[in-house]
Every structure is written in structure tokens, then in C-alpha cells.
Amino acid sequence: MTTHFKLAPWLTAVTLAVGFTASTPAFAYNQSDLDQLLKTNACNGCDLSNADLSNKELYGAALKSANLRGANLTNALLKEAKLDGANFSNTAMTGAIVNAATASGTDFTGANLKNSKFINTQIDGANFTKADMSQADFSSVIASCSIPSDKTTCTKFVSAIGVSTVLNSSTLIGADLSN
């Protein structure tokens, strides 16, 4: 004997809405945060996830602890930017220029950094795990441990792709370059 259940129409609608909501991405930038960055060049702690910042000149931008996960920073200029503790995981940064910036403790996990330039930049304790650094220029970067006695605070390049990556005059004290 088979038992059939009939769902109330409102319960069907709720079930479909919950199922649809659960399958959509949960992160997107906050428009007021993006407006603040573009107006003042400062947005510490802001939510800029998935924002399109391609070809933007963010000279001296203050983005400490900002969430830029999945953002598009292709060909962006981040000269003298303050990026400490920010989340740049899974960002598109092809051709971006990060020059004379600070990015200590910043997360670049899975970021596309092809042809980017991180020149004369402080990257202590930054995480570049599984980032694509092909043809990137990391000349004169300083990468060491945020806490010298704690190896877990060292800059990580674990399983990063580094075909033709330039590291001229760079200091990589305690950096994890394992595969």
C-alpha cells in the first residue's frame, strides 16, 4: 500500500525558495563599501567580495582587513596600498601592480596573479597557497614570519604555480615553498 502526501501550496513555494537560496553564492560586495572606496580610497574592513575593480588606480588605498574574495583586480594599480590582513582569495589579479605596498597576513589563496608585479612589497605571513604566479614579478619583496618563533605565521607559497616567476633581490625568510 502506497501513501501519498499532498503538500500545501505555500509549503511547496517555501521549499523551492529555500532550495534556490541555498544554491546561490552567499557573498557579494556591499555597494556602499564600493562607493566609499572609489570616493575616499579607503575602505578598511569593507566587503568588496566579487567587486569589479579591474583597471582601477587605487594608489595608496587603505584596504586593511577588507574582504575582496573573488574580486576582479585585473590590471589594477595598488601602489603604496595598505592591504594587511585582507582577503584576496580567488581574486583575478592578472597584470595588477602591487608596488611598495604592505600585505602582511593577507590571504591570496587560489588567486590568479599571472603577469602581476609585487615589487618592493612587504608580504610577511601572507598566504599564496595554490595561487597562479606564472610570469609574476616578486622582485625585492620581503617575506618572513609575522612571529619569528612561530613557523605557522610564515609566508606560504604551498602548491603555488610559479612558472617564470621573478624573485630578484627578494628576502624569503622561513617561507614555505613546499608542493
Foldseek 3Di string as FASTA:
>chain_A
DDDDDDDDPVVVVVVVVVVVVVPDDPAAFDVVLVVCCVVPLERAQGEHDQPECDPAESEQREHHLYEHHQHEHDLYEHEQYEQANYEDDQYEHANYEYHCYEHELYEHHQYAHHNYENELYEHEQYEDAQYAQENYENEAYEWAAPDNVDLNSGYENANYHYHNYHHHNYHRYSYHNYD
